[in-house]
Amino acid sequence: MPAREVKIVTDSTARVSAEEISRYDVRVVPLKVIFGTEIYTEGVDITSEDFYRRLAGRDPVPTTSQPAVSDFTRVYRELSERGHPILSVHISSKLSGTVNSALAARQELPQAQIEVIDCLSVALRMLIVPAAQGAAEGLSLPRLKASIDRLNSSLNTVGMLNTLEYLWRGGRIGGAKALLGTLLRIKPLLDFRDGEVKVLGRLRTSSQAMESILGIMESRLKPGVPVHVGVAQTNALESARMLSERVKAAFNCAELDIVELGPVLGTHLGPGFFGAAFYSDEDWQPDRR
C-alpha cells in the first residue's frame, strides 16, 4: 500500500492565501489577538484594516495568544487517523509559544507521524508554500523535513521598523535592546536570524532602508541565480510596492509577492514595517532520493 501524502499544518501568521490552502489542503491553526477583554481570532473575526485602525487609536495595547494544545491535537488526530504523516511549521518560538503547543499535542498522539519545525524568521509563508509543493510531489516526511530545515536555515529576512516601541512593549526586542536609548529617534534596520531580532543599522528614512535592503540582498545572493522574494509590510503598502519594483528591476526573480503581515505579527512589529524575505533556487533543493 503506497504511503499517504504528507499534510502541512501551519498557523495564521503564515498568511497563506485561501487559494493555496485549497490547492494544497494546508491546515491553519489560528492565533489570537487580545484588546483588553476582547479576544479576536486571526484570520477569522478581525481584519488587518480593523486591527491597524485600533492600533492607531486609544484602545488598550494588544497582546497575542498562542493556540491551545487541543487546537493542534484536533487537527493532528484527524489527519493521522486518515493515515497522513504531518509536517507542522510555525512562527518562531522567540515570538510565540505556538511551537510549544504543537509539540505538546504531538506527545498526546505518540502513534502519529508528526514533525514540528520552528521558523527562524518572520517569513513563515516562505517555508509553507515550498513545503506544500514538496508534499504534493510525494516527498516522504523525513526528506521533506530535511529539505525545509535547510531552507529555514538559509532564508534571509531584513526589514525596517518604523519604531521599536512595539517589540519593546511585547518583550520581544532581543538583540535590539542596545537601541532603546534612541527608541523614538531612529528607524532600525533589522535582521531576523536564528529566531531572534538583530540590528543591522540605524536609519532615518525609508529611502535609506530600501537602499540598505537592496545592498544586503546583493551581498547575499549570487548574480543571476533565480531568487524567491516575499516583500512584507504592516500597513505600509506604498513602501512595499516601491521596494518590490526595485527588487524586480535588480534581481532575477522566480517569484515576487507582496504580503501583508497580519494582526499577530503587527502587534509585535507595529505599523510601518516593510522588508524582504528571500532565498535562491540553490537554497531550495528538495531531497528526492
Protein backbone atom coordinates (compact mmCIF):
# COMPACT_ATOMS: atom_id res chain seq x y z
CA MET A 1 0.00 0.00 0.00
CA PRO A 2 1.59 3.35 -1.04
CA ALA A 3 2.40 5.89 1.66
CA ARG A 4 -0.11 8.65 2.14
CA GLU A 5 0.82 12.22 1.16
CA VAL A 6 2.38 14.36 3.88
CA LYS A 7 0.00 17.07 5.08
CA ILE A 8 1.20 20.53 6.07
CA VAL A 9 -0.04 22.22 9.22
CA THR A 10 0.84 25.83 9.98
CA ASP A 11 -0.57 28.80 11.87
CA SER A 12 -2.30 32.03 10.91
CA THR A 13 0.89 34.11 10.92
CA ALA A 14 1.92 32.35 7.68
CA ARG A 15 -0.60 34.42 5.69
CA VAL A 16 -1.20 31.57 3.27
CA SER A 17 -3.86 32.54 0.73
CA ALA A 18 -7.26 30.87 0.53
CA GLU A 19 -6.33 29.58 -2.94
CA GLU A 20 -3.13 27.98 -1.61
CA ILE A 21 -4.94 26.46 1.36
CA SER A 22 -7.47 24.90 -1.02
CA ARG A 23 -4.90 23.75 -3.60
CA TYR A 24 -2.56 22.07 -1.13
CA ASP A 25 -5.02 21.22 1.67
CA VAL A 26 -2.91 23.15 4.19
CA ARG A 27 -4.35 23.19 7.71
CA VAL A 28 -4.09 26.55 9.51
CA VAL A 29 -4.34 26.79 13.30
CA PRO A 30 -5.09 30.40 14.28
CA LEU A 31 -3.51 32.57 16.96
CA LYS A 32 -5.44 35.21 18.84
CA VAL A 33 -5.11 38.97 19.31
CA ILE A 34 -6.41 40.49 22.53
CA PHE A 35 -7.51 44.12 23.08
CA GLY A 36 -8.27 44.37 26.79
CA THR A 37 -11.13 41.92 27.37
CA GLU A 38 -11.87 41.46 23.65
CA ILE A 39 -10.37 38.36 22.04
CA TYR A 40 -10.14 38.01 18.27
CA THR A 41 -9.09 35.03 16.17
CA GLU A 42 -6.57 35.97 13.48
CA GLY A 43 -7.92 35.37 10.01
CA VAL A 44 -11.44 34.75 11.32
CA ASP A 45 -13.07 37.71 13.02
CA ILE A 46 -10.63 40.62 12.75
CA THR A 47 -9.32 42.11 9.51
CA SER A 48 -5.94 43.75 9.15
CA GLU A 49 -7.70 47.05 8.41
CA ASP A 50 -9.66 46.90 11.67
CA PHE A 51 -6.57 45.85 13.59
CA TYR A 52 -4.35 48.71 12.42
CA ARG A 53 -7.18 51.21 12.93
CA ARG A 54 -7.50 50.10 16.54
CA LEU A 55 -3.73 50.04 16.98
CA ALA A 56 -3.55 53.69 15.94
CA GLY A 57 -6.37 54.66 18.31
CA ARG A 58 -6.70 54.80 22.06
CA ASP A 59 -7.55 51.15 22.51
CA PRO A 60 -5.61 49.06 25.03
CA VAL A 61 -2.21 47.87 23.80
CA PRO A 62 -2.92 44.50 22.15
CA THR A 63 -1.35 41.23 23.17
CA THR A 64 -1.28 37.88 21.41
CA SER A 65 -2.08 34.35 22.47
CA GLN A 66 -0.84 31.04 21.09
CA PRO A 67 -3.27 28.28 20.09
CA ALA A 68 -4.32 25.80 22.75
CA VAL A 69 -2.77 22.34 22.68
CA SER A 70 -6.24 20.95 21.93
CA ASP A 71 -6.39 23.04 18.74
CA PHE A 72 -3.40 21.12 17.41
CA THR A 73 -4.49 17.77 18.81
CA ARG A 74 -7.78 18.00 16.94
CA VAL A 75 -6.07 18.70 13.58
CA TYR A 76 -3.31 16.13 14.11
CA ARG A 77 -5.76 13.41 15.11
CA GLU A 78 -7.96 13.96 12.06
CA LEU A 79 -5.03 13.79 9.65
CA SER A 80 -3.22 10.90 11.35
CA GLU A 81 -6.39 8.78 11.54
CA ARG A 82 -6.58 9.12 7.76
CA GLY A 83 -3.01 7.80 7.55
CA HIS A 84 -1.21 11.07 6.73
CA PRO A 85 2.24 11.95 8.07
CA ILE A 86 2.29 15.58 9.25
CA LEU A 87 4.81 18.40 8.90
CA SER A 88 3.84 21.23 11.25
CA VAL A 89 5.70 24.52 10.63
CA HIS A 90 5.19 27.53 12.88
CA ILE A 91 6.04 31.06 13.95
CA SER A 92 9.37 31.46 15.73
CA SER A 93 9.40 30.27 19.34
CA LYS A 94 11.16 33.56 20.18
CA LEU A 95 7.96 35.40 19.23
CA SER A 96 5.25 32.95 20.33
CA GLY A 97 4.63 29.78 22.29
CA THR A 98 2.85 28.20 19.30
CA VAL A 99 5.63 25.67 18.72
CA ASN A 100 5.33 24.54 22.34
CA SER A 101 1.61 23.89 21.87
CA ALA A 102 2.34 21.88 18.73
CA LEU A 103 5.00 19.80 20.50
CA ALA A 104 2.68 19.12 23.43
CA ALA A 105 -0.04 17.96 21.04
CA ARG A 106 2.42 15.64 19.32
CA GLN A 107 3.16 13.99 22.67
CA GLU A 108 -0.54 13.23 23.07
CA LEU A 109 -0.52 11.24 19.81
CA PRO A 110 2.56 9.01 20.07
CA GLN A 111 1.46 6.73 17.23
CA ALA A 112 1.15 9.57 14.71
CA GLN A 113 3.98 10.61 12.38
CA ILE A 114 4.43 14.29 13.23
CA GLU A 115 7.44 16.57 12.77
CA VAL A 116 7.44 20.15 14.09
CA ILE A 117 9.61 22.94 12.68
CA ASP A 118 10.31 26.25 14.43
CA CYS A 119 10.56 29.04 11.82
CA LEU A 120 13.71 31.09 12.40
CA SER A 121 12.32 34.35 10.99
CA VAL A 122 9.06 36.24 10.50
CA ALA A 123 8.81 34.88 6.94
CA LEU A 124 6.84 31.73 7.73
CA ARG A 125 4.95 31.81 4.44
CA MET A 126 8.25 31.37 2.56
CA LEU A 127 8.53 27.90 4.12
CA ILE A 128 4.91 26.81 3.82
CA VAL A 129 4.49 27.06 0.07
CA PRO A 130 7.66 25.05 -0.75
CA ALA A 131 6.68 22.51 1.93
CA ALA A 132 3.22 22.11 0.42
CA GLN A 133 4.67 21.77 -3.08
CA GLY A 134 7.17 19.16 -1.87
CA ALA A 135 4.40 17.21 -0.16
CA ALA A 136 2.31 17.31 -3.35
CA GLU A 137 5.29 15.91 -5.26
CA GLY A 138 5.34 12.91 -2.92
CA LEU A 139 8.35 13.64 -0.71
CA SER A 140 8.43 11.45 2.41
CA LEU A 141 8.15 13.11 5.81
CA PRO A 142 11.88 12.69 6.71
CA ARG A 143 13.04 14.06 3.35
CA LEU A 144 10.55 16.91 3.37
CA LYS A 145 11.54 17.92 6.90
CA ALA A 146 15.24 17.81 5.99
CA SER A 147 14.61 19.97 2.93
CA ILE A 148 12.56 22.56 4.86
CA ASP A 149 15.12 22.60 7.68
CA ARG A 150 17.81 23.56 5.15
CA LEU A 151 15.61 26.26 3.63
CA ASN A 152 14.73 27.55 7.10
CA SER A 153 18.43 27.95 7.92
CA SER A 154 19.23 29.76 4.67
CA LEU A 155 16.16 32.03 4.50
CA ASN A 156 17.04 35.73 4.82
CA THR A 157 14.67 38.33 6.27
CA VAL A 158 15.61 42.00 6.61
CA GLY A 159 13.37 44.98 7.20
CA MET A 160 12.88 48.41 8.69
CA LEU A 161 10.74 49.10 11.72
CA ASN A 162 9.03 52.44 11.95
CA THR A 163 9.62 52.26 15.71
CA LEU A 164 10.98 49.81 18.28
CA GLU A 165 8.09 50.60 20.60
CA TYR A 166 6.01 47.54 19.77
CA LEU A 167 8.83 45.00 20.07
CA TRP A 168 9.70 46.62 23.38
CA ARG A 169 6.10 46.53 24.66
CA GLY A 170 5.80 42.85 23.85
CA GLY A 171 9.15 41.88 25.37
CA ARG A 172 10.40 40.54 22.01
CA ILE A 173 13.14 43.10 21.49
CA GLY A 174 16.01 40.59 21.71
CA GLY A 175 19.20 41.88 20.13
CA ALA A 176 17.69 45.33 19.56
CA LYS A 177 17.95 46.24 23.27
CA ALA A 178 21.01 48.37 22.57
CA LEU A 179 18.84 50.81 20.64
CA LEU A 180 16.30 51.51 23.38
CA GLY A 181 18.01 54.76 24.35
CA THR A 182 17.21 56.17 20.92
CA LEU A 183 13.83 54.49 20.64
CA LEU A 184 11.94 57.41 19.12
CA ARG A 185 14.71 58.93 17.03
CA ILE A 186 15.72 56.16 14.63
CA LYS A 187 14.22 53.55 12.34
CA PRO A 188 16.17 50.35 12.96
CA LEU A 189 17.14 48.05 10.11
CA LEU A 190 16.71 44.55 11.49
CA ASP A 191 17.86 41.09 10.51
CA PHE A 192 15.74 38.16 11.68
CA ARG A 193 18.15 35.26 12.20
CA ASP A 194 18.05 32.15 14.37
CA GLY A 195 14.64 33.24 15.60
CA GLU A 196 15.97 36.49 17.05
CA VAL A 197 15.99 40.14 16.10
CA LYS A 198 19.44 41.55 15.29
CA VAL A 199 20.28 45.14 14.48
CA LEU A 200 22.00 45.89 11.18
CA GLY A 201 21.84 49.66 11.26
CA ARG A 202 20.14 52.84 12.38
CA LEU A 203 18.25 54.73 9.70
CA ARG A 204 16.23 57.90 9.47
CA THR A 205 14.30 57.48 6.22
CA SER A 206 12.51 54.80 4.26
CA SER A 207 14.65 55.51 1.20
CA GLN A 208 17.77 54.70 3.23
CA ALA A 209 16.13 51.44 4.28
CA MET A 210 15.37 50.46 0.69
CA GLU A 211 18.95 51.08 -0.39
CA SER A 212 20.21 49.07 2.59
CA ILE A 213 17.85 46.14 1.92
CA LEU A 214 18.84 46.02 -1.75
CA GLY A 215 22.52 46.16 -0.80
CA ILE A 216 22.12 43.27 1.65
CA MET A 217 20.28 41.20 -0.95
CA GLU A 218 23.05 41.84 -3.47
CA SER A 219 25.72 40.81 -0.97
CA ARG A 220 23.95 37.57 -0.03
CA LEU A 221 22.85 36.38 -3.48
CA LYS A 222 24.87 35.10 -6.39
CA PRO A 223 24.48 37.17 -9.57
CA GLY A 224 21.91 35.78 -11.97
CA VAL A 225 20.68 32.94 -9.75
CA PRO A 226 16.85 32.89 -9.66
CA VAL A 227 15.59 34.27 -6.36
CA HIS A 228 12.30 33.88 -4.49
CA VAL A 229 11.25 37.07 -2.70
CA GLY A 230 8.42 37.99 -0.38
CA VAL A 231 8.10 41.70 0.32
CA ALA A 232 6.34 42.00 3.67
CA GLN A 233 4.63 45.01 5.20
CA THR A 234 2.47 46.10 8.13
CA ASN A 235 0.20 48.90 6.96
CA ALA A 236 2.99 50.18 4.70
CA LEU A 237 1.75 49.13 1.27
CA GLU A 238 3.25 52.01 -0.70
CA SER A 239 6.73 51.37 0.70
CA ALA A 240 6.31 47.66 -0.05
CA ARG A 241 5.28 48.41 -3.64
CA MET A 242 8.30 50.67 -4.14
CA LEU A 243 10.64 48.05 -2.70
CA SER A 244 9.03 45.36 -4.86
CA GLU A 245 9.66 47.39 -8.02
CA ARG A 246 13.29 47.95 -7.03
CA VAL A 247 13.78 44.24 -6.33
CA LYS A 248 12.15 43.27 -9.63
CA ALA A 249 14.50 45.58 -11.54
CA ALA A 250 17.65 44.43 -9.71
CA PHE A 251 17.28 40.64 -9.44
CA ASN A 252 16.25 37.58 -11.44
CA CYS A 253 13.02 36.92 -9.56
CA ALA A 254 11.48 33.48 -10.00
CA GLU A 255 8.83 34.58 -7.52
CA LEU A 256 7.96 38.00 -6.10
CA ASP A 257 4.97 38.58 -3.83
CA ILE A 258 3.82 41.39 -1.58
CA VAL A 259 2.47 40.03 1.69
CA GLU A 260 0.63 41.96 4.37
CA LEU A 261 1.58 40.58 7.77
CA GLY A 262 -1.46 40.03 9.95
CA PRO A 263 -2.56 41.27 13.38
CA VAL A 264 -0.33 38.90 15.40
CA LEU A 265 2.93 39.99 13.79
CA GLY A 266 1.57 43.52 13.56
CA THR A 267 1.23 43.50 17.35
CA HIS A 268 4.97 42.85 17.69
CA LEU A 269 6.32 44.85 14.75
CA GLY A 270 3.88 47.76 14.81
CA PRO A 271 2.61 49.64 11.76
CA GLY A 272 5.06 50.89 9.14
CA PHE A 273 7.33 47.84 8.91
CA PHE A 274 8.47 46.76 5.46
CA GLY A 275 11.16 44.39 4.33
CA ALA A 276 12.14 41.44 2.19
CA ALA A 277 12.45 37.72 2.79
CA PHE A 278 14.41 35.86 0.15
CA TYR A 279 16.14 32.68 -0.86
CA SER A 280 17.72 31.44 -4.08
CA ASP A 281 17.00 28.36 -6.15
CA GLU A 282 20.21 26.93 -4.72
CA ASP A 283 18.76 27.14 -1.20
CA TRP A 284 15.66 25.11 -2.06
CA GLN A 285 16.80 21.70 -3.19
CA PRO A 286 14.19 19.12 -2.15
CA ASP A 287 15.65 15.74 -1.23
CA ARG A 288 14.01 13.47 -3.83
CA ARG A 289 16.34 10.47 -3.39
